[in-house]
C-alpha atoms as a PDB file:
ATOM      1  CA  MET A   1     133.626 -69.699 -40.536  1.00  0.00           C
ATOM      2  CA  PRO A   2     136.456 -70.789 -42.868  1.00  0.00           C
ATOM      3  CA  GLU A   3     139.897 -69.628 -41.803  1.00  0.00           C
ATOM      4  CA  PRO A   4     142.604 -68.187 -44.068  1.00  0.00           C
ATOM      5  CA  GLY A   5     146.003 -69.768 -44.449  1.00  0.00           C
ATOM      6  CA  GLN A   6     145.547 -73.136 -46.135  1.00  0.00           C
ATOM      7  CA  LEU A   7     144.025 -74.829 -49.146  1.00  0.00           C
ATOM      8  CA  VAL A   8     141.168 -76.968 -47.824  1.00  0.00           C
ATOM      9  CA  GLN A   9     139.642 -79.925 -49.648  1.00  0.00           C
ATOM     10  CA  LEU A  10     135.859 -79.388 -49.541  1.00  0.00           C
ATOM     11  CA  THR A  11     134.639 -82.068 -51.967  1.00  0.00           C
ATOM     12  CA  PRO A  12     136.349 -84.418 -54.433  1.00  0.00           C
ATOM     13  CA  LEU A  13     136.578 -81.600 -57.010  1.00  0.00           C
ATOM     14  CA  VAL A  14     136.507 -78.367 -54.960  1.00  0.00           C
ATOM     15  CA  ARG A  15     139.202 -76.794 -52.814  1.00  0.00           C
ATOM     16  CA  ARG A  16     139.152 -73.404 -51.061  1.00  0.00           C
ATOM     17  CA  ARG A  17     141.785 -70.952 -49.833  1.00  0.00           C
ATOM     18  CA  VAL A  18     140.587 -67.861 -47.931  1.00  0.00           C
ATOM     19  CA  ALA A  19     142.425 -64.587 -48.532  1.00  0.00           C
ATOM     20  CA  GLY A  20     143.744 -62.697 -45.538  1.00  0.00           C
ATOM     21  CA  ASN A  21     141.357 -59.738 -45.887  1.00  0.00           C
ATOM     22  CA  ALA A  22     138.983 -60.281 -42.980  1.00  0.00           C
ATOM     23  CA  SER A  23     136.681 -57.359 -42.140  1.00  0.00           C
ATOM     24  CA  PRO A  24     133.100 -56.644 -41.062  1.00  0.00           C
ATOM     25  CA  PHE A  25     132.233 -56.702 -44.778  1.00  0.00           C
ATOM     26  CA  THR A  26     134.201 -59.809 -45.846  1.00  0.00           C
ATOM     27  CA  ALA A  27     133.792 -62.203 -42.887  1.00  0.00           C
ATOM     28  CA  SER A  28     137.048 -64.166 -42.479  1.00  0.00           C
ATOM     29  CA  GLY A  29     138.145 -63.132 -45.994  1.00  0.00           C
ATOM     30  CA  THR A  30     137.398 -63.733 -49.660  1.00  0.00           C
ATOM     31  CA  CYS A  31     136.946 -67.381 -50.620  1.00  0.00           C
ATOM     32  CA  THR A  32     139.066 -68.412 -53.611  1.00  0.00           C
ATOM     33  CA  TYR A  33     137.946 -71.727 -55.057  1.00  0.00           C
ATOM     34  CA  VAL A  34     139.911 -74.300 -57.078  1.00  0.00           C
ATOM     35  CA  VAL A  35     137.803 -76.582 -59.261  1.00  0.00           C
ATOM     36  CA  GLY A  36     139.159 -79.823 -60.716  1.00  0.00           C
ATOM     37  CA  ARG A  37     142.438 -81.690 -60.530  1.00  0.00           C
ATOM     38  CA  GLY A  38     145.539 -81.378 -62.680  1.00  0.00           C
ATOM     39  CA  ALA A  39     144.310 -78.627 -65.010  1.00  0.00           C
ATOM     40  CA  VAL A  40     142.132 -76.485 -62.735  1.00  0.00           C
ATOM     41  CA  ALA A  41     139.866 -73.467 -62.747  1.00  0.00           C
ATOM     42  CA  VAL A  42     140.295 -70.783 -60.081  1.00  0.00           C
ATOM     43  CA  ILE A  43     137.221 -68.759 -59.100  1.00  0.00           C
ATOM     44  CA  ASP A  44     137.658 -65.282 -57.548  1.00  0.00           C
ATOM     45  CA  PRO A  45     141.413 -65.017 -56.892  1.00  0.00           C
ATOM     46  CA  GLY A  46     140.613 -62.214 -54.457  1.00  0.00           C
ATOM     47  CA  PRO A  47     142.169 -58.831 -53.706  1.00  0.00           C
ATOM     48  CA  GLU A  48     145.435 -57.447 -55.039  1.00  0.00           C
ATOM     49  CA  ASP A  49     147.456 -59.562 -52.624  1.00  0.00           C
ATOM     50  CA  ASP A  50     150.685 -61.108 -53.895  1.00  0.00           C
ATOM     51  CA  ALA A  51     151.017 -63.285 -50.790  1.00  0.00           C
ATOM     52  CA  HIS A  52     147.584 -64.859 -51.349  1.00  0.00           C
ATOM     53  CA  VAL A  53     148.347 -65.605 -55.013  1.00  0.00           C
ATOM     54  CA  GLU A  54     151.821 -66.961 -54.257  1.00  0.00           C
ATOM     55  CA  ALA A  55     150.431 -69.230 -51.547  1.00  0.00           C
ATOM     56  CA  LEU A  56     147.761 -70.496 -53.919  1.00  0.00           C
ATOM     57  CA  LEU A  57     150.350 -71.299 -56.590  1.00  0.00           C
ATOM     58  CA  ALA A  58     152.499 -73.100 -54.024  1.00  0.00           C
ATOM     59  CA  ASP A  59     149.427 -75.159 -53.065  1.00  0.00           C
ATOM     60  CA  LEU A  60     148.938 -76.051 -56.734  1.00  0.00           C
ATOM     61  CA  ALA A  61     152.518 -77.095 -57.430  1.00  0.00           C
ATOM     62  CA  GLY A  62     152.431 -79.789 -60.100  1.00  0.00           C
ATOM     63  CA  GLU A  63     149.035 -78.655 -61.367  1.00  0.00           C
ATOM     64  CA  ARG A  64     148.138 -76.081 -64.031  1.00  0.00           C
ATOM     65  CA  VAL A  65     145.687 -73.198 -63.814  1.00  0.00           C
ATOM     66  CA  SER A  66     143.789 -73.394 -67.107  1.00  0.00           C
ATOM     67  CA  HIS A  67     140.983 -70.877 -66.418  1.00  0.00           C
ATOM     68  CA  ILE A  68     140.455 -67.921 -64.074  1.00  0.00           C
ATOM     69  CA  LEU A  69     136.816 -66.993 -63.410  1.00  0.00           C
ATOM     70  CA  VAL A  70     135.511 -63.869 -61.682  1.00  0.00           C
ATOM     71  CA  THR A  71     132.018 -63.408 -60.223  1.00  0.00           C
ATOM     72  CA  HIS A  72     132.037 -59.594 -59.962  1.00  0.00           C
ATOM     73  CA  THR A  73     134.233 -56.522 -59.880  1.00  0.00           C
ATOM     74  CA  HIS A  74     134.660 -55.599 -56.245  1.00  0.00           C
ATOM     75  CA  ARG A  75     138.234 -55.140 -55.102  1.00  0.00           C
ATOM     76  CA  ASP A  76     138.046 -58.056 -52.710  1.00  0.00           C
ATOM     77  CA  HIS A  77     137.280 -60.454 -55.597  1.00  0.00           C
ATOM     78  CA  SER A  78     138.709 -59.495 -58.989  1.00  0.00           C
ATOM     79  CA  PRO A  79     142.150 -57.742 -58.833  1.00  0.00           C
ATOM     80  CA  GLY A  80     143.879 -60.983 -57.871  1.00  0.00           C
ATOM     81  CA  ALA A  81     142.797 -62.403 -61.223  1.00  0.00           C
ATOM     82  CA  ARG A  82     145.306 -60.156 -62.993  1.00  0.00           C
ATOM     83  CA  LEU A  83     148.091 -61.244 -60.634  1.00  0.00           C
ATOM     84  CA  LEU A  84     147.254 -64.894 -61.219  1.00  0.00           C
ATOM     85  CA  ALA A  85     146.967 -64.447 -64.986  1.00  0.00           C
ATOM     86  CA  ALA A  86     150.388 -62.782 -65.087  1.00  0.00           C
ATOM     87  CA  ARG A  87     151.917 -65.754 -63.272  1.00  0.00           C
ATOM     88  CA  THR A  88     150.133 -68.551 -65.168  1.00  0.00           C
ATOM     89  CA  GLY A  89     149.075 -67.204 -68.574  1.00  0.00           C
ATOM     90  CA  ALA A  90     145.539 -68.487 -67.942  1.00  0.00           C
ATOM     91  CA  PRO A  91     142.687 -66.442 -69.438  1.00  0.00           C
ATOM     92  CA  ILE A  92     140.379 -64.347 -67.249  1.00  0.00           C
ATOM     93  CA  LEU A  93     136.716 -65.181 -67.886  1.00  0.00           C
ATOM     94  CA  GLY A  94     133.350 -64.423 -66.348  1.00  0.00           C
ATOM     95  CA  CYS A  95     131.841 -61.070 -65.480  1.00  0.00           C
ATOM     96  CA  GLY A  96     132.271 -58.049 -67.708  1.00  0.00           C
ATOM     97  CA  PRO A  97     133.798 -54.692 -66.772  1.00  0.00           C
ATOM     98  CA  HIS A  98     132.352 -52.849 -63.806  1.00  0.00           C
ATOM     99  CA  ARG A  99     129.173 -50.900 -64.501  1.00  0.00           C
ATOM    100  CA  ALA A 100     126.588 -49.100 -62.411  1.00  0.00           C
ATOM    101  CA  ALA A 101     122.844 -49.682 -62.304  1.00  0.00           C
ATOM    102  CA  ARG A 102     122.255 -46.031 -63.154  1.00  0.00           C
ATOM    103  CA  ALA A 103     124.050 -42.730 -63.627  1.00  0.00           C
ATOM    104  CA  LEU A 104     124.782 -40.522 -60.626  1.00  0.00           C
ATOM    105  CA  ALA A 105     122.012 -38.063 -59.842  1.00  0.00           C
ATOM    106  CA  GLU A 106     122.890 -34.370 -59.846  1.00  0.00           C
ATOM    107  CA  GLY A 107     125.007 -33.676 -56.774  1.00  0.00           C
ATOM    108  CA  GLU A 108     125.253 -37.378 -55.837  1.00  0.00           C
ATOM    109  CA  LEU A 109     128.719 -38.484 -54.720  1.00  0.00           C
ATOM    110  CA  PRO A 110     130.360 -41.687 -56.029  1.00  0.00           C
ATOM    111  CA  VAL A 111     130.711 -43.154 -52.530  1.00  0.00           C
ATOM    112  CA  LEU A 112     131.412 -46.661 -53.829  1.00  0.00           C
ATOM    113  CA  ASP A 113     134.294 -45.840 -56.164  1.00  0.00           C
ATOM    114  CA  ALA A 114     136.870 -47.209 -53.734  1.00  0.00           C
ATOM    115  CA  SER A 115     135.289 -50.668 -53.813  1.00  0.00           C
ATOM    116  CA  ALA A 116     134.952 -50.929 -57.614  1.00  0.00           C
ATOM    117  CA  ASP A 117     137.652 -52.616 -59.686  1.00  0.00           C
ATOM    118  CA  ARG A 118     137.527 -50.547 -62.867  1.00  0.00           C
ATOM    119  CA  GLU A 119     140.654 -52.197 -64.294  1.00  0.00           C
ATOM    120  CA  HIS A 120     138.941 -55.539 -64.806  1.00  0.00           C
ATOM    121  CA  ASP A 121     139.179 -56.455 -68.503  1.00  0.00           C
ATOM    122  CA  PRO A 122     138.401 -60.149 -69.073  1.00  0.00           C
ATOM    123  CA  GLU A 123     139.509 -62.070 -72.127  1.00  0.00           C
ATOM    124  CA  ARG A 124     135.971 -63.432 -72.434  1.00  0.00           C
ATOM    125  CA  ILE A 125     132.696 -62.243 -70.903  1.00  0.00           C
ATOM    126  CA  LEU A 126     130.302 -65.075 -70.132  1.00  0.00           C
ATOM    127  CA  ALA A 127     126.582 -64.564 -70.728  1.00  0.00           C
ATOM    128  CA  GLU A 128     123.739 -66.516 -69.137  1.00  0.00           C
ATOM    129  CA  GLY A 129     124.075 -70.214 -69.956  1.00  0.00           C
ATOM    130  CA  GLU A 130     127.587 -70.064 -71.454  1.00  0.00           C
ATOM    131  CA  THR A 131     129.887 -72.814 -70.253  1.00  0.00           C
ATOM    132  CA  VAL A 132     133.634 -73.303 -69.886  1.00  0.00           C
ATOM    133  CA  SER A 133     135.040 -76.777 -69.380  1.00  0.00           C
ATOM    134  CA  GLY A 134     138.213 -78.540 -68.328  1.00  0.00           C
ATOM    135  CA  GLU A 135     139.358 -82.006 -67.345  1.00  0.00           C
ATOM    136  CA  GLY A 136     136.367 -83.488 -65.519  1.00  0.00           C
ATOM    137  CA  TRP A 137     134.570 -80.221 -64.764  1.00  0.00           C
ATOM    138  CA  SER A 138     132.368 -77.573 -66.353  1.00  0.00           C
ATOM    139  CA  LEU A 139     131.128 -74.212 -65.094  1.00  0.00           C
ATOM    140  CA  THR A 140     128.061 -72.440 -66.487  1.00  0.00           C
ATOM    141  CA  ALA A 141     127.367 -68.733 -66.044  1.00  0.00           C
ATOM    142  CA  VAL A 142     124.213 -67.738 -64.152  1.00  0.00           C
ATOM    143  CA  GLU A 143     123.462 -64.012 -64.350  1.00  0.00           C
ATOM    144  CA  THR A 144     122.714 -62.680 -60.851  1.00  0.00           C
ATOM    145  CA  PRO A 145     122.790 -58.861 -60.969  1.00  0.00           C
ATOM    146  CA  GLY A 146     121.951 -56.686 -57.985  1.00  0.00           C
ATOM    147  CA  HIS A 147     124.955 -56.673 -55.633  1.00  0.00           C
ATOM    148  CA  THR A 148     126.784 -55.447 -58.723  1.00  0.00           C
ATOM    149  CA  MET A 149     125.152 -55.250 -62.120  1.00  0.00           C
ATOM    150  CA  ASN A 150     127.739 -57.558 -63.703  1.00  0.00           C
ATOM    151  CA  HIS A 151     127.489 -60.254 -61.020  1.00  0.00           C
ATOM    152  CA  LEU A 152     127.642 -63.895 -62.126  1.00  0.00           C
ATOM    153  CA  ALA A 153     127.287 -67.165 -60.273  1.00  0.00           C
ATOM    154  CA  PHE A 154     128.722 -70.383 -61.715  1.00  0.00           C
ATOM    155  CA  ALA A 155     126.794 -73.662 -61.794  1.00  0.00           C
ATOM    156  CA  PHE A 156     128.929 -76.774 -61.292  1.00  0.00           C
ATOM    157  CA  PRO A 157     126.840 -79.755 -62.442  1.00  0.00           C
ATOM    158  CA  GLN A 158     129.446 -82.416 -61.618  1.00  0.00           C
ATOM    159  CA  GLU A 159     128.683 -81.842 -57.921  1.00  0.00           C
ATOM    160  CA  ASN A 160     125.273 -80.149 -58.210  1.00  0.00           C
ATOM    161  CA  ALA A 161     126.739 -76.988 -56.680  1.00  0.00           C
ATOM    162  CA  LEU A 162     126.608 -73.242 -57.352  1.00  0.00           C
ATOM    163  CA  PHE A 163     129.470 -70.817 -56.768  1.00  0.00           C
ATOM    164  CA  SER A 164     127.257 -67.944 -55.666  1.00  0.00           C
ATOM    165  CA  GLY A 165     129.784 -65.125 -55.198  1.00  0.00           C
ATOM    166  CA  ASP A 166     128.252 -62.366 -53.077  1.00  0.00           C
ATOM    167  CA  HIS A 167     124.712 -62.947 -54.346  1.00  0.00           C
ATOM    168  CA  VAL A 168     123.821 -65.527 -51.670  1.00  0.00           C
ATOM    169  CA  MET A 169     125.938 -66.040 -48.539  1.00  0.00           C
ATOM    170  CA  ALA A 170     125.189 -67.954 -45.341  1.00  0.00           C
ATOM    171  CA  TRP A 171     126.997 -65.596 -42.952  1.00  0.00           C
ATOM    172  CA  SER A 172     125.283 -62.332 -43.995  1.00  0.00           C
ATOM    173  CA  THR A 173     122.851 -60.768 -46.424  1.00  0.00           C
ATOM    174  CA  SER A 174     124.431 -59.227 -49.514  1.00  0.00           C
ATOM    175  CA  ILE A 175     124.945 -55.463 -49.585  1.00  0.00           C
ATOM    176  CA  VAL A 176     122.924 -53.833 -52.351  1.00  0.00           C
ATOM    177  CA  ALA A 177     124.107 -50.246 -52.699  1.00  0.00           C
ATOM    178  CA  PRO A 178     122.980 -47.748 -55.359  1.00  0.00           C
ATOM    179  CA  PRO A 179     124.038 -46.531 -57.810  1.00  0.00           C
ATOM    180  CA  ASP A 180     126.283 -49.581 -58.388  1.00  0.00           C
ATOM    181  CA  GLY A 181     123.671 -52.047 -57.196  1.00  0.00           C
ATOM    182  CA  SER A 182     119.917 -52.354 -57.674  1.00  0.00           C
ATOM    183  CA  MET A 183     117.427 -53.814 -55.212  1.00  0.00           C
ATOM    184  CA  ARG A 184     114.936 -54.554 -57.988  1.00  0.00           C
ATOM    185  CA  ALA A 185     117.559 -56.479 -59.979  1.00  0.00           C
ATOM    186  CA  TYR A 186     118.760 -58.267 -56.840  1.00  0.00           C
ATOM    187  CA  MET A 187     115.278 -59.433 -55.860  1.00  0.00           C
ATOM    188  CA  ALA A 188     114.551 -60.597 -59.406  1.00  0.00           C
ATOM    189  CA  ALA A 189     117.819 -62.565 -59.448  1.00  0.00           C
ATOM    190  CA  LEU A 190     116.949 -64.197 -56.111  1.00  0.00           C
ATOM    191  CA  GLU A 191     113.613 -65.237 -57.612  1.00  0.00           C
ATOM    192  CA  ARG A 192     115.427 -66.781 -60.582  1.00  0.00           C
ATOM    193  CA  VAL A 193     117.825 -68.872 -58.473  1.00  0.00           C
ATOM    194  CA  ARG A 194     115.214 -69.867 -55.870  1.00  0.00           C
ATOM    195  CA  ASP A 195     114.149 -73.044 -57.643  1.00  0.00           C
ATOM    196  CA  ARG A 196     117.465 -74.063 -59.160  1.00  0.00           C
ATOM    197  CA  PRO A 197     118.456 -77.701 -58.629  1.00  0.00           C
ATOM    198  CA  GLU A 198     121.779 -77.211 -56.815  1.00  0.00           C
ATOM    199  CA  THR A 199     122.014 -78.672 -53.315  1.00  0.00           C
ATOM    200  CA  VAL A 200     124.884 -76.520 -52.006  1.00  0.00           C
ATOM    201  CA  TYR A 201     126.168 -73.006 -52.661  1.00  0.00           C
ATOM    202  CA  TRP A 202     129.830 -72.066 -52.251  1.00  0.00           C
ATOM    203  CA  PRO A 203     129.772 -68.295 -51.564  1.00  0.00           C
ATOM    204  CA  GLY A 204     132.339 -65.517 -51.853  1.00  0.00           C
ATOM    205  CA  HIS A 205     132.620 -65.185 -48.071  1.00  0.00           C
ATOM    206  CA  GLY A 206     131.885 -67.545 -45.218  1.00  0.00           C
ATOM    207  CA  GLY A 207     130.870 -71.160 -45.235  1.00  0.00           C
ATOM    208  CA  PRO A 208     128.549 -73.085 -47.549  1.00  0.00           C
ATOM    209  CA  VAL A 209     124.846 -72.490 -47.981  1.00  0.00           C
ATOM    210  CA  ARG A 210     123.088 -75.774 -47.237  1.00  0.00           C
ATOM    211  CA  GLU A 211     119.502 -76.386 -48.352  1.00  0.00           C
ATOM    212  CA  PRO A 212     119.759 -73.390 -50.711  1.00  0.00           C
ATOM    213  CA  ARG A 213     116.154 -73.448 -51.922  1.00  0.00           C
ATOM    214  CA  ARG A 214     114.886 -72.995 -48.383  1.00  0.00           C
ATOM    215  CA  PHE A 215     117.622 -70.465 -47.658  1.00  0.00           C
ATOM    216  CA  VAL A 216     116.830 -68.320 -50.716  1.00  0.00           C
ATOM    217  CA  ARG A 217     113.131 -68.365 -49.864  1.00  0.00           C
ATOM    218  CA  ALA A 218     114.079 -67.092 -46.403  1.00  0.00           C
ATOM    219  CA  LEU A 219     116.257 -64.360 -47.942  1.00  0.00           C
ATOM    220  CA  LEU A 220     113.371 -63.191 -50.106  1.00  0.00           C
ATOM    221  CA  HIS A 221     111.074 -63.172 -47.074  1.00  0.00           C
ATOM    222  CA  HIS A 222     113.636 -61.204 -45.049  1.00  0.00           C
ATOM    223  CA  ARG A 223     114.008 -58.571 -47.768  1.00  0.00           C
ATOM    224  CA  ARG A 224     110.233 -58.203 -48.121  1.00  0.00           C
ATOM    225  CA  GLN A 225     109.922 -57.792 -44.365  1.00  0.00           C
ATOM    226  CA  ARG A 226     112.649 -55.158 -44.447  1.00  0.00           C
ATOM    227  CA  GLU A 227     110.834 -53.336 -47.260  1.00  0.00           C
ATOM    228  CA  ALA A 228     107.604 -53.408 -45.271  1.00  0.00           C
ATOM    229  CA  ALA A 229     109.374 -52.049 -42.189  1.00  0.00           C
ATOM    230  CA  ILE A 230     110.925 -49.220 -44.217  1.00  0.00           C
ATOM    231  CA  ARG A 231     107.521 -48.344 -45.690  1.00  0.00           C
ATOM    232  CA  GLY A 232     106.129 -48.305 -42.172  1.00  0.00           C
ATOM    233  CA  ARG A 233     108.794 -45.878 -40.957  1.00  0.00           C
ATOM    234  CA  ILE A 234     108.191 -43.543 -43.922  1.00  0.00           C
ATOM    235  CA  GLU A 235     104.430 -43.637 -43.298  1.00  0.00           C
ATOM    236  CA  ALA A 236     105.104 -42.893 -39.607  1.00  0.00           C
ATOM    237  CA  GLY A 237     106.988 -39.741 -40.604  1.00  0.00           C
ATOM    238  CA  ASP A 238     110.623 -40.848 -40.688  1.00  0.00           C
ATOM    239  CA  GLY A 239     111.602 -38.848 -43.753  1.00  0.00           C
ATOM    240  CA  ASP A 240     115.342 -39.517 -44.081  1.00  0.00           C
ATOM    241  CA  ILE A 241     117.550 -42.590 -44.428  1.00  0.00           C
ATOM    242  CA  ARG A 242     119.601 -42.023 -41.265  1.00  0.00           C
ATOM    243  CA  THR A 243     116.491 -41.846 -39.073  1.00  0.00           C
ATOM    244  CA  ILE A 244     115.077 -45.013 -40.651  1.00  0.00           C
ATOM    245  CA  VAL A 245     118.371 -46.858 -40.047  1.00  0.00           C
ATOM    246  CA  ALA A 246     118.434 -45.759 -36.384  1.00  0.00           C
ATOM    247  CA  ALA A 247     114.917 -47.109 -35.925  1.00  0.00           C
ATOM    248  CA  LEU A 248     115.434 -50.428 -37.718  1.00  0.00           C
ATOM    249  CA  TYR A 249     119.053 -51.350 -36.884  1.00  0.00           C
ATOM    250  CA  GLN A 250     119.219 -50.868 -33.129  1.00  0.00           C
ATOM    251  CA  GLY A 251     122.541 -52.041 -31.683  1.00  0.00           C
ATOM    252  CA  LEU A 252     124.244 -51.953 -35.089  1.00  0.00           C
ATOM    253  CA  ASP A 253     128.052 -52.000 -35.155  1.00  0.00           C
ATOM    254  CA  PRO A 254     128.911 -48.331 -35.929  1.00  0.00           C
ATOM    255  CA  ARG A 255     131.340 -49.530 -38.629  1.00  0.00           C
ATOM    256  CA  LEU A 256     128.332 -50.874 -40.554  1.00  0.00           C
ATOM    257  CA  THR A 257     126.168 -47.749 -40.397  1.00  0.00           C
ATOM    258  CA  GLY A 258     127.199 -46.627 -43.881  1.00  0.00           C
ATOM    259  CA  ALA A 259     126.402 -50.039 -45.348  1.00  0.00           C
ATOM    260  CA  ALA A 260     123.023 -50.104 -43.583  1.00  0.00           C
ATOM    261  CA  MET A 261     122.190 -46.661 -44.969  1.00  0.00           C
ATOM    262  CA  LEU A 262     123.039 -47.796 -48.497  1.00  0.00           C
ATOM    263  CA  SER A 263     120.930 -50.943 -48.082  1.00  0.00           C
ATOM    264  CA  VAL A 264     117.925 -48.937 -46.848  1.00  0.00           C
ATOM    265  CA  PHE A 265     118.467 -46.461 -49.672  1.00  0.00           C
ATOM    266  CA  ALA A 266     118.336 -49.348 -52.177  1.00  0.00           C
ATOM    267  CA  HIS A 267     114.929 -50.331 -50.822  1.00  0.00           C
ATOM    268  CA  VAL A 268     113.704 -46.718 -50.791  1.00  0.00           C
ATOM    269  CA  GLU A 269     114.877 -46.165 -54.366  1.00  0.00           C
ATOM    270  CA  ASP A 270     112.879 -49.227 -55.421  1.00  0.00           C
ATOM    271  CA  LEU A 271     109.822 -48.019 -53.485  1.00  0.00           C
ATOM    272  CA  VAL A 272     110.011 -44.652 -55.267  1.00  0.00           C
ATOM    273  CA  GLU A 273     110.228 -46.382 -58.655  1.00  0.00           C
ATOM    274  CA  ARG A 274     107.076 -48.361 -57.788  1.00  0.00           C
ATOM    275  CA  GLY A 275     105.135 -45.337 -56.514  1.00  0.00           C
ATOM    276  CA  LEU A 276     105.137 -46.572 -52.904  1.00  0.00           C
ATOM    277  CA  ALA A 277     107.338 -43.703 -51.668  1.00  0.00           C
ATOM    278  CA  ALA A 278     107.994 -40.227 -53.015  1.00  0.00           C
ATOM    279  CA  CYS A 279     110.629 -37.527 -52.902  1.00  0.00           C
ATOM    280  CA  ASP A 280     111.417 -34.234 -54.606  1.00  0.00           C
ATOM    281  CA  GLY A 281     113.697 -34.970 -57.567  1.00  0.00           C
ATOM    282  CA  PRO A 282     115.574 -38.241 -58.075  1.00  0.00           C
ATOM    283  CA  PRO A 283     116.147 -40.469 -55.017  1.00  0.00           C
ATOM    284  CA  ARG A 284     119.334 -39.624 -53.103  1.00  0.00           C
ATOM    285  CA  ILE A 285     120.735 -41.057 -49.899  1.00  0.00           C
ATOM    286  CA  GLU A 286     120.418 -37.654 -48.193  1.00  0.00           C
ATOM    287  CA  GLY A 287     116.938 -37.014 -49.650  1.00  0.00           C
ATOM    288  CA  ARG A 288     113.621 -36.527 -47.849  1.00  0.00           C
ATOM    289  CA  TYR A 289     110.913 -39.141 -48.347  1.00  0.00           C
ATOM    290  CA  ARG A 290     107.177 -39.388 -47.840  1.00  0.00           C
ATOM    291  CA  PRO A 291     104.478 -41.967 -48.647  1.00  0.00           C
ATOM    292  CA  GLY A 292     103.882 -42.422 -52.349  1.00  0.00           C
ATOM    293  CA  ALA A 293     100.718 -42.038 -54.371  1.00  0.00           C
ATOM    294  CA  LEU A 294     100.177 -45.814 -54.474  1.00  0.00           C
ATOM    295  CA  THR A 295     100.494 -46.313 -50.726  1.00  0.00           C
ATOM    296  CA  ALA A 296      97.280 -47.793 -49.371  1.00  0.00           C
END
């Protein structure tokens, strides 16, 4: 697990400094990447942490930040971009403003508001396939919605690498939490990246993803197994999210119960949309569920 506190040379063109925001949700902290030499791009400057940004600038003394790129608008990734832009004048590029996968259902609470960076306002939003370039490097946007609906990864052809943000991480599966996230969009995005040519992923938290094609196939398999297990619990009579979580996540760190409930809810919401589970009214995390009309 990468440690915060220093700028580490990972490859000839990639360096990484980890922000000091370790938690059960962020591993040892958010990974901020520096791409290039001399005139550099910075990917995901991290949380609103002056000390992290100041340390990064001290590391880059004698170099110039020419571009700031952001994968998605969670507060552990994007607020630092505004601090860095204010210090360097570099433009903020990448993902668009924060947006949800759907509107809140009647009576549904916005439980994820605290994690969303709604102040993010990039100078340029990058769409699928758009590229920014600097001295000896280029980064191409790869749309990977699901964890958030504006999530981007960045392909780095000079080293056959992908900066995968929170879409694919080696240390943990990505949290997909409605209404901000969408399990259907997340699974579709995993399918799209599964056969990409990159040989290493540099994620938003934790260490690199080696053999990413095999790893993404395993992620897809894991999610499908989880979906099947959730369907099994609903068919066995477990009608609410909390009961399903207790059955499937035995020994879970209590601090992660809320995240597990949101992840199960994302699967259940997708099952309802596909007719494999049912509920009265729109899906809600506190709703009651039963087998759907299309359940065999």
